[in-house]
Amino acid sequence: MSNISHLTLPKFAQSTVTEYLRDGYWLEAPDVTGTGTPDLVGYGLKVGEIYWYENPSWEKRLVIDKIKEPVGMDFGNITGVGGDDLAVCYQLYGPGGTIHHADPEGGKIDWLQNPGPEGLKAGERWKRRYVGRATGMHRLRIGHFTRTDRLQIMGFPIVAVESVHSVLPVVLFTSPEDPETDQEWQKETISDSDFRMIHGVAKKPGVIPGSSLDSILMASDEGVTWLYWNEATQQWAWEHIGEGELGQFAQTTFKGSGDLDGGRIGDDPLAYVAAIEPFHGNKVAVYVRNKETPGWTRFLLDTYGDPNENGEGPGHSVMCRDFDGDGDDEFLIGLRGPDPWQGVIYYKAIDLQRGLFLKWKVAEESTARIVSADFDGTGTPDFATISYSVEHYFVAPKAKITLHPNLTREG
């Protein structure tokens, strides 16, 4: 745990990758070129165009266009060669364009095949290959969740056609033996009676004791849940970490948790979970694993503004990383706005068991999503953001993608 007398203060530079975006929502940091250097992929929901930005020039190049309302994305090397491929879910809403208008024919997932070094140079479009669907699909993660011989995509809807608060299916898609065919991926349902209003998920490798499989932290109406495959029982299991924020339910109809990530402290790869609560919430909370007794303790750290006329606050993104190199993870909270509730807030644990954190504001721009990678090759994690600009929710006055190189360890 940190010694406050030897605290390393956070310091980040700022540069604009691209600005004057027509819309903004999602950001990822895949290695598109296959050179070992992370690039950026960013887009919004309305225009239906996905672009990648090549590191370090940040030249903008088209991945695909005419994709209806792309929402969540993840990346991985699905083909096993070249740079990272992408997987994206799309067609979330029907007419009306909000969580109250789920498209009964939507919730589709495609994976986008990287054209390789020569194809990228020639400006080739990425091939779209259909994975499968579940109505209301909103988040997905690529990984090895029940097996290591094939890649899998875990999918998380946010709302059902029947109601914003109806129960949802959590689903798993497993790639065919040859993923470059047009064959749909094998689909199975993990749960269809336990979770509602799933908004944020984080893939956590190396957290299941004695297992090499990936697991998931999930923020939903039920609060914070750790979801994983139990290899001993050959069944899905989950641990309910906490109930989330309950105090606004009568006013907003939202409860639970909205987005989250898990942090390492020392040799514990999941010592705490940081969350923004509830859905599109205004509360920052941390769940700390108890040392002496089973379970977790919730600490409420901050409240950013009040819920607006739609019952929403400014919080949208959470990211844990060891930015200062001391072996413990800090976490970032992304606030979409409006001012003064926008930007990125950096939290550092001082006494985890007592829920004591210090915080600094390290970015000013509207933030829908934060990603972290070593963008400049210095061996330290940097971060990047994309502004939140989504019709019917919040439209940033100037939507952009911003890079923040990490200068923290330079003193």
Protein backbone atom coordinates (compact mmCIF):
# COMPACT_ATOMS: atom_id res chain seq x y z
CA MET A 1 0.00 0.00 0.00
CA SER A 2 1.18 3.50 -0.76
CA ASN A 3 3.30 5.55 1.61
CA ILE A 4 1.83 9.02 1.29
CA SER A 5 5.17 10.64 2.08
CA HIS A 6 6.67 8.99 -1.01
CA LEU A 7 3.65 9.44 -3.27
CA THR A 8 4.28 9.82 -7.00
CA LEU A 9 1.95 12.49 -8.33
CA PRO A 10 0.19 11.70 -11.62
CA LYS A 11 1.30 13.66 -14.66
CA PHE A 12 -0.01 13.24 -18.20
CA ALA A 13 0.52 15.20 -21.39
CA GLN A 14 -2.24 15.80 -23.93
CA SER A 15 -2.45 15.66 -27.72
CA THR A 16 -5.41 15.49 -30.10
CA VAL A 17 -5.66 12.40 -32.30
CA THR A 18 -8.68 13.72 -34.21
CA GLU A 19 -11.38 16.32 -33.56
CA TYR A 20 -14.70 17.59 -34.93
CA LEU A 21 -16.17 14.08 -34.76
CA ARG A 22 -19.74 13.79 -36.04
CA ASP A 23 -20.47 11.49 -33.11
CA GLY A 24 -18.48 9.72 -30.41
CA TYR A 25 -18.97 6.72 -28.17
CA TRP A 26 -16.52 3.81 -28.39
CA LEU A 27 -12.73 3.50 -28.37
CA GLU A 28 -10.31 0.55 -28.47
CA ALA A 29 -6.52 0.20 -28.69
CA PRO A 30 -5.78 -2.85 -30.88
CA ASP A 31 -2.52 -3.56 -32.68
CA VAL A 32 -4.00 -3.18 -36.16
CA THR A 33 -0.69 -3.22 -38.05
CA GLY A 34 0.74 -6.24 -36.23
CA THR A 35 3.94 -4.37 -35.39
CA GLY A 36 3.53 -4.60 -31.62
CA THR A 37 2.47 -0.96 -31.36
CA PRO A 38 -1.11 -0.17 -30.29
CA ASP A 39 -3.26 1.88 -32.66
CA LEU A 40 -6.73 3.33 -32.03
CA VAL A 41 -10.21 2.47 -33.31
CA GLY A 42 -13.01 4.92 -32.58
CA TYR A 43 -16.58 5.68 -33.63
CA GLY A 44 -20.04 6.83 -32.59
CA LEU A 45 -23.50 5.29 -32.96
CA LYS A 46 -25.30 7.39 -35.56
CA VAL A 47 -23.02 7.83 -38.62
CA GLY A 48 -22.38 4.10 -39.00
CA GLU A 49 -18.67 4.43 -39.85
CA ILE A 50 -15.76 2.86 -37.98
CA TYR A 51 -12.24 4.26 -38.39
CA TRP A 52 -8.78 3.25 -37.21
CA TYR A 53 -5.94 5.66 -36.49
CA GLU A 54 -2.37 4.51 -37.14
CA ASN A 55 0.22 5.12 -34.45
CA PRO A 56 2.20 7.43 -34.37
CA SER A 57 0.96 9.62 -37.25
CA TRP A 58 -2.67 8.99 -36.26
CA GLU A 59 -3.67 8.95 -39.90
CA LYS A 60 -7.39 8.18 -40.14
CA ARG A 61 -8.43 5.15 -42.21
CA LEU A 62 -11.78 3.50 -42.78
CA VAL A 63 -12.52 0.06 -41.36
CA ILE A 64 -16.13 -0.23 -42.57
CA ASP A 65 -19.11 2.02 -43.23
CA LYS A 66 -22.86 1.54 -43.50
CA ILE A 67 -23.02 -0.44 -40.27
CA LYS A 68 -26.25 0.32 -38.41
CA GLU A 69 -25.59 1.79 -34.99
CA PRO A 70 -22.33 0.16 -33.86
CA VAL A 71 -22.15 0.00 -30.08
CA GLY A 72 -19.65 -2.12 -28.13
CA MET A 73 -16.41 -3.56 -29.56
CA ASP A 74 -13.45 -5.72 -28.60
CA PHE A 75 -10.38 -6.99 -30.44
CA GLY A 76 -8.23 -10.10 -30.75
CA ASN A 77 -6.29 -12.06 -33.32
CA ILE A 78 -9.13 -14.27 -34.51
CA THR A 79 -7.33 -15.56 -37.60
CA GLY A 80 -4.06 -16.17 -35.77
CA VAL A 81 -2.03 -14.14 -38.28
CA GLY A 82 -1.25 -10.45 -38.86
CA GLY A 83 -2.68 -7.70 -36.70
CA ASP A 84 -5.72 -7.72 -34.46
CA ASP A 85 -9.20 -8.36 -35.81
CA LEU A 86 -12.27 -6.62 -34.40
CA ALA A 87 -15.69 -7.74 -33.18
CA VAL A 88 -18.57 -5.27 -32.92
CA CYS A 89 -22.23 -5.44 -31.92
CA TYR A 90 -24.73 -3.24 -33.73
CA GLN A 91 -28.38 -2.42 -34.47
CA LEU A 92 -29.34 -1.83 -30.85
CA TYR A 93 -32.33 0.49 -31.21
CA GLY A 94 -35.38 0.73 -33.40
CA PRO A 95 -37.31 3.96 -34.07
CA GLY A 96 -37.02 6.20 -31.04
CA GLY A 97 -33.31 5.63 -30.54
CA THR A 98 -33.11 5.04 -26.78
CA ILE A 99 -33.01 2.16 -24.30
CA HIS A 100 -36.82 2.15 -24.42
CA HIS A 101 -36.77 1.11 -28.10
CA ALA A 102 -34.79 -2.13 -28.47
CA ASP A 103 -34.83 -3.44 -32.06
CA PRO A 104 -36.37 -6.96 -31.96
CA GLU A 105 -34.38 -7.90 -35.08
CA GLY A 106 -31.13 -6.32 -33.89
CA GLY A 107 -28.41 -7.08 -31.40
CA LYS A 108 -26.16 -8.51 -34.10
CA ILE A 109 -22.44 -9.27 -33.79
CA ASP A 110 -19.94 -9.27 -36.67
CA TRP A 111 -16.23 -9.85 -36.57
CA LEU A 112 -14.17 -7.71 -38.91
CA GLN A 113 -11.21 -9.41 -40.54
CA ASN A 114 -8.00 -7.40 -40.69
CA PRO A 115 -6.85 -7.28 -44.34
CA GLY A 116 -3.20 -7.63 -43.30
CA PRO A 117 -0.19 -5.35 -43.93
CA GLU A 118 -0.56 -5.12 -47.69
CA GLY A 119 -4.32 -4.76 -47.57
CA LEU A 120 -4.05 -2.02 -44.98
CA LYS A 121 -1.59 -0.13 -47.17
CA ALA A 122 -3.96 -0.45 -50.13
CA GLY A 123 -6.90 0.82 -48.09
CA GLU A 124 -8.90 -2.40 -48.38
CA ARG A 125 -12.16 -2.70 -46.48
CA TRP A 126 -12.21 -5.21 -43.67
CA LYS A 127 -14.31 -8.34 -44.33
CA ARG A 128 -17.48 -8.59 -42.24
CA ARG A 129 -18.27 -12.06 -40.94
CA TYR A 130 -21.46 -12.72 -38.97
CA VAL A 131 -21.17 -14.25 -35.49
CA GLY A 132 -24.76 -14.27 -34.17
CA ARG A 133 -27.24 -12.11 -32.29
CA ALA A 134 -29.28 -11.49 -29.15
CA THR A 135 -31.74 -8.59 -28.95
CA GLY A 136 -30.33 -5.55 -27.17
CA MET A 137 -26.67 -6.57 -27.52
CA HIS A 138 -24.60 -3.74 -26.06
CA ARG A 139 -21.24 -5.07 -24.81
CA LEU A 140 -19.00 -7.96 -25.81
CA ARG A 141 -15.62 -9.40 -24.90
CA ILE A 142 -13.28 -11.68 -26.86
CA GLY A 143 -11.35 -14.27 -24.89
CA HIS A 144 -11.07 -17.85 -23.66
CA PHE A 145 -13.90 -18.26 -21.20
CA THR A 146 -14.57 -22.03 -21.17
CA ARG A 147 -11.78 -23.39 -23.40
CA THR A 148 -8.34 -22.35 -24.66
CA ASP A 149 -8.30 -24.00 -28.10
CA ARG A 150 -10.79 -21.59 -29.71
CA LEU A 151 -11.58 -17.92 -29.27
CA GLN A 152 -14.96 -17.02 -27.84
CA ILE A 153 -17.13 -13.92 -27.67
CA MET A 154 -19.23 -13.29 -24.58
CA GLY A 155 -22.20 -11.02 -25.27
CA PHE A 156 -24.21 -8.83 -22.90
CA PRO A 157 -27.52 -7.19 -23.90
CA ILE A 158 -28.62 -4.07 -22.05
CA VAL A 159 -32.40 -4.03 -22.56
CA ALA A 160 -35.18 -6.25 -23.87
CA VAL A 161 -38.09 -5.38 -26.17
CA GLU A 162 -40.55 -5.94 -23.34
CA SER A 163 -39.03 -3.43 -20.92
CA VAL A 164 -35.89 -1.54 -20.00
CA HIS A 165 -35.79 -3.56 -16.82
CA SER A 166 -36.66 -7.03 -18.16
CA VAL A 167 -34.37 -9.97 -17.50
CA LEU A 168 -31.62 -10.51 -20.12
CA PRO A 169 -29.69 -13.42 -21.62
CA VAL A 170 -25.91 -13.50 -21.18
CA VAL A 171 -24.61 -15.50 -24.13
CA LEU A 172 -21.38 -17.12 -25.34
CA PHE A 173 -20.34 -17.63 -28.96
CA THR A 174 -17.53 -20.08 -29.81
CA SER A 175 -15.66 -19.73 -33.11
CA PRO A 176 -15.79 -22.53 -35.68
CA GLU A 177 -12.65 -24.55 -36.33
CA ASP A 178 -11.97 -22.33 -39.34
CA PRO A 179 -13.10 -18.85 -38.31
CA GLU A 180 -12.57 -17.47 -41.84
CA THR A 181 -15.66 -19.27 -43.10
CA ASP A 182 -19.07 -17.57 -43.14
CA GLN A 183 -20.39 -20.09 -40.64
CA GLU A 184 -22.17 -18.63 -37.60
CA TRP A 185 -20.47 -19.19 -34.28
CA GLN A 186 -21.91 -21.76 -31.88
CA LYS A 187 -24.16 -20.01 -29.36
CA GLU A 188 -25.01 -21.00 -25.81
CA THR A 189 -26.86 -19.19 -23.05
CA ILE A 190 -24.98 -18.66 -19.81
CA SER A 191 -27.93 -17.18 -17.93
CA ASP A 192 -31.35 -15.88 -18.95
CA SER A 193 -32.99 -15.30 -15.56
CA ASP A 194 -30.51 -13.51 -13.31
CA PHE A 195 -29.45 -10.14 -14.73
CA ARG A 196 -31.06 -6.92 -15.91
CA MET A 197 -29.81 -3.65 -17.40
CA ILE A 198 -26.22 -4.81 -18.06
CA HIS A 199 -24.22 -1.71 -18.97
CA GLY A 200 -20.51 -2.30 -18.26
CA VAL A 201 -18.23 -5.34 -18.43
CA ALA A 202 -14.51 -5.87 -17.95
CA LYS A 203 -12.54 -8.96 -18.99
CA LYS A 204 -10.18 -10.11 -16.25
CA PRO A 205 -7.54 -12.70 -17.17
CA GLY A 206 -5.45 -14.35 -14.47
CA VAL A 207 -8.03 -13.91 -11.72
CA ILE A 208 -9.55 -17.41 -11.41
CA PRO A 209 -7.33 -19.35 -8.97
CA GLY A 210 -5.46 -22.17 -10.73
CA SER A 211 -7.01 -21.41 -14.12
CA SER A 212 -5.79 -19.81 -17.35
CA LEU A 213 -9.32 -18.90 -18.44
CA ASP A 214 -10.66 -15.36 -18.67
CA SER A 215 -13.42 -14.12 -16.40
CA ILE A 216 -15.79 -11.15 -16.42
CA LEU A 217 -16.71 -8.36 -14.06
CA MET A 218 -20.23 -7.18 -14.85
CA ALA A 219 -22.12 -4.02 -13.86
CA SER A 220 -25.89 -4.42 -13.95
CA ASP A 221 -29.14 -3.71 -12.16
CA GLU A 222 -28.03 -6.29 -9.59
CA GLY A 223 -24.83 -4.38 -8.81
CA VAL A 224 -21.35 -5.84 -9.29
CA THR A 225 -20.90 -9.50 -10.27
CA TRP A 226 -17.81 -11.61 -10.98
CA LEU A 227 -18.72 -14.21 -13.63
CA TYR A 228 -16.53 -17.22 -14.52
CA TRP A 229 -16.42 -20.84 -15.69
CA ASN A 230 -15.75 -23.30 -12.87
CA GLU A 231 -13.50 -25.95 -14.41
CA ALA A 232 -13.96 -28.32 -11.46
CA THR A 233 -17.75 -28.43 -11.76
CA GLN A 234 -17.87 -27.65 -15.50
CA GLN A 235 -20.53 -25.03 -14.80
CA TRP A 236 -20.89 -21.26 -14.89
CA ALA A 237 -20.55 -19.60 -11.52
CA TRP A 238 -20.69 -16.06 -10.23
CA GLU A 239 -19.92 -14.14 -7.07
CA HIS A 240 -22.15 -11.25 -6.11
CA ILE A 241 -19.66 -8.59 -4.98
CA GLY A 242 -22.11 -5.82 -4.12
CA GLU A 243 -25.58 -4.38 -4.73
CA GLY A 244 -24.45 -1.05 -6.16
CA GLU A 245 -26.25 2.25 -5.68
CA LEU A 246 -29.82 1.96 -4.33
CA GLY A 247 -30.56 5.47 -3.08
CA GLN A 248 -31.77 6.95 -6.38
CA PHE A 249 -34.24 4.24 -7.37
CA ALA A 250 -37.42 6.06 -6.35
CA GLN A 251 -36.32 9.15 -8.28
CA THR A 252 -34.70 7.66 -11.39
CA THR A 253 -35.80 3.95 -11.58
CA PHE A 254 -32.10 3.05 -11.95
CA LYS A 255 -30.13 1.06 -9.40
CA GLY A 256 -27.08 -1.17 -9.21
CA SER A 257 -23.90 -0.44 -11.13
CA GLY A 258 -23.06 1.18 -14.49
CA ASP A 259 -19.41 0.53 -15.37
CA LEU A 260 -16.45 -1.01 -13.57
CA ASP A 261 -12.97 -2.48 -13.57
CA GLY A 262 -10.93 -4.52 -11.14
CA GLY A 263 -7.61 -3.48 -9.63
CA ARG A 264 -4.52 -5.35 -8.47
CA ILE A 265 -2.89 -4.53 -5.15
CA GLY A 266 0.35 -6.40 -4.47
CA ASP A 267 -0.08 -10.07 -5.30
CA ASP A 268 -3.90 -9.96 -5.29
CA PRO A 269 -5.03 -9.58 -8.93
CA LEU A 270 -8.55 -8.59 -7.84
CA ALA A 271 -8.12 -6.69 -4.59
CA TYR A 272 -10.80 -4.12 -5.38
CA VAL A 273 -13.45 -3.22 -7.93
CA ALA A 274 -13.98 0.44 -8.87
CA ALA A 275 -17.40 1.37 -10.24
CA ILE A 276 -19.51 4.26 -11.48
CA GLU A 277 -23.07 3.78 -10.22
CA PRO A 278 -25.90 3.31 -11.14
CA PHE A 279 -26.57 3.22 -14.95
CA HIS A 280 -25.05 6.43 -16.40
CA GLY A 281 -24.51 7.26 -12.77
CA ASN A 282 -23.00 10.02 -10.63
CA LYS A 283 -21.56 7.93 -7.79
CA VAL A 284 -18.01 6.55 -7.61
CA ALA A 285 -17.73 3.50 -5.38
CA VAL A 286 -15.01 0.99 -4.56
CA TYR A 287 -15.55 -2.59 -3.39
CA VAL A 288 -12.62 -3.89 -1.34
CA ARG A 289 -12.00 -7.57 -0.70
CA ASN A 290 -12.09 -8.21 3.04
CA LYS A 291 -8.89 -9.63 4.51
CA GLU A 292 -10.22 -11.33 7.63
CA THR A 293 -13.70 -12.41 6.56
CA PRO A 294 -15.31 -13.51 3.26
CA GLY A 295 -16.96 -10.85 1.14
CA TRP A 296 -16.43 -7.26 0.10
CA THR A 297 -16.88 -3.82 1.66
CA ARG A 298 -18.29 -0.93 -0.38
CA PHE A 299 -16.90 2.57 0.04
CA LEU A 300 -18.63 5.54 -1.59
CA LEU A 301 -15.89 7.93 -2.71
CA ASP A 302 -17.57 10.73 -4.66
CA THR A 303 -20.78 12.13 -6.14
CA TYR A 304 -20.52 14.09 -9.40
CA GLY A 305 -23.58 16.27 -9.95
CA ASP A 306 -27.24 15.29 -9.71
CA PRO A 307 -29.30 13.05 -11.98
CA ASN A 308 -30.74 14.98 -14.94
CA GLU A 309 -34.29 14.93 -16.29
CA ASN A 310 -33.67 11.44 -17.69
CA GLY A 311 -32.42 10.15 -14.35
CA GLU A 312 -28.81 10.04 -15.59
CA GLY A 313 -25.52 11.35 -14.25
CA PRO A 314 -22.22 12.03 -16.05
CA GLY A 315 -20.28 8.83 -15.29
CA HIS A 316 -19.59 6.38 -18.11
CA SER A 317 -16.17 4.69 -18.01
CA VAL A 318 -13.78 3.03 -15.53
CA MET A 319 -10.20 1.87 -16.19
CA CYS A 320 -7.67 0.27 -13.80
CA ARG A 321 -3.91 0.32 -14.53
CA ASP A 322 -0.61 0.69 -12.69
CA PHE A 323 0.28 4.11 -14.03
CA ASP A 324 2.98 5.00 -11.50
CA GLY A 325 4.86 1.67 -11.56
CA ASP A 326 4.61 0.80 -7.87
CA GLY A 327 2.91 -2.58 -8.45
CA ASP A 328 -0.56 -1.39 -7.40
CA ASP A 329 -3.33 -0.38 -9.80
CA GLU A 330 -4.77 3.10 -9.82
CA PHE A 331 -8.11 3.75 -11.52
CA LEU A 332 -9.56 6.36 -13.86
CA ILE A 333 -13.17 7.55 -13.98
CA GLY A 334 -14.47 9.03 -17.25
CA LEU A 335 -17.18 11.71 -17.00
CA ARG A 336 -19.09 12.60 -20.15
CA GLY A 337 -20.37 16.03 -19.06
CA PRO A 338 -21.74 18.61 -19.14
CA ASP A 339 -19.31 20.93 -17.38
CA PRO A 340 -18.23 20.94 -14.64
CA TRP A 341 -18.83 17.19 -14.55
CA GLN A 342 -16.62 16.07 -17.40
CA GLY A 343 -13.08 14.82 -17.85
CA VAL A 344 -10.97 12.06 -16.29
CA ILE A 345 -10.38 11.64 -12.54
CA TYR A 346 -7.39 9.62 -11.30
CA TYR A 347 -7.73 7.72 -7.99
CA LYS A 348 -4.85 6.32 -5.94
CA ALA A 349 -5.34 3.92 -2.99
CA ILE A 350 -3.65 5.09 0.19
CA ASP A 351 -5.29 2.67 2.65
CA LEU A 352 -7.40 0.17 0.77
CA GLN A 353 -8.98 -1.57 3.77
CA ARG A 354 -10.25 1.77 5.04
CA GLY A 355 -11.36 2.91 1.59
CA LEU A 356 -8.96 5.87 1.53
CA PHE A 357 -8.02 7.23 -1.90
CA LEU A 358 -6.46 10.42 -3.18
CA LYS A 359 -7.70 11.88 -6.47
CA TRP A 360 -6.58 14.27 -9.18
CA LYS A 361 -8.28 15.54 -12.33
CA VAL A 362 -5.97 14.54 -15.21
CA ALA A 363 -8.08 15.45 -18.28
CA GLU A 364 -10.77 18.00 -19.08
CA GLU A 365 -12.49 16.62 -22.21
CA SER A 366 -15.87 14.89 -22.33
CA THR A 367 -15.15 11.19 -21.87
CA ALA A 368 -17.33 8.34 -23.04
CA ARG A 369 -14.62 5.69 -22.88
CA ILE A 370 -11.03 5.36 -21.67
CA VAL A 371 -8.48 2.90 -23.07
CA SER A 372 -4.95 2.31 -21.85
CA ALA A 373 -1.83 1.05 -23.66
CA ASP A 374 1.82 1.93 -24.15
CA PHE A 375 1.25 4.18 -27.15
CA ASP A 376 4.68 5.84 -27.23
CA GLY A 377 6.92 2.83 -26.56
CA THR A 378 8.30 4.08 -23.26
CA GLY A 379 7.23 0.98 -21.34
CA THR A 380 4.58 2.79 -19.29
CA PRO A 381 0.79 2.73 -19.77
CA ASP A 382 -0.72 5.86 -21.33
CA PHE A 383 -4.43 6.49 -21.81
CA ALA A 384 -6.71 7.82 -24.51
CA THR A 385 -10.32 9.02 -24.50
CA ILE A 386 -13.20 9.58 -26.91
CA SER A 387 -15.88 12.19 -26.23
CA TYR A 388 -19.50 11.26 -25.60
CA SER A 389 -21.72 12.49 -28.42
CA VAL A 390 -24.92 10.45 -28.66
CA GLU A 391 -28.29 11.81 -29.76
CA HIS A 392 -31.03 11.60 -27.08
CA TYR A 393 -28.43 11.28 -24.29
CA PHE A 394 -25.60 13.84 -24.28
CA VAL A 395 -23.84 15.58 -27.16
CA ALA A 396 -20.40 17.00 -26.36
CA PRO A 397 -19.95 20.47 -27.87
CA LYS A 398 -16.67 19.38 -29.45
CA ALA A 399 -16.26 15.62 -29.78
CA LYS A 400 -12.72 14.32 -30.25
CA ILE A 401 -10.21 11.55 -29.54
CA THR A 402 -7.44 12.62 -27.17
CA LEU A 403 -4.16 10.89 -26.25
CA HIS A 404 -2.59 11.36 -22.82
CA PRO A 405 1.06 10.17 -22.68
CA ASN A 406 2.11 9.12 -19.19
CA LEU A 407 4.78 11.37 -17.66
CA THR A 408 4.13 10.22 -14.09
CA ARG A 409 7.30 8.16 -13.69
CA GLU A 410 9.48 10.97 -14.99
CA GLY A 411 8.86 12.86 -11.76
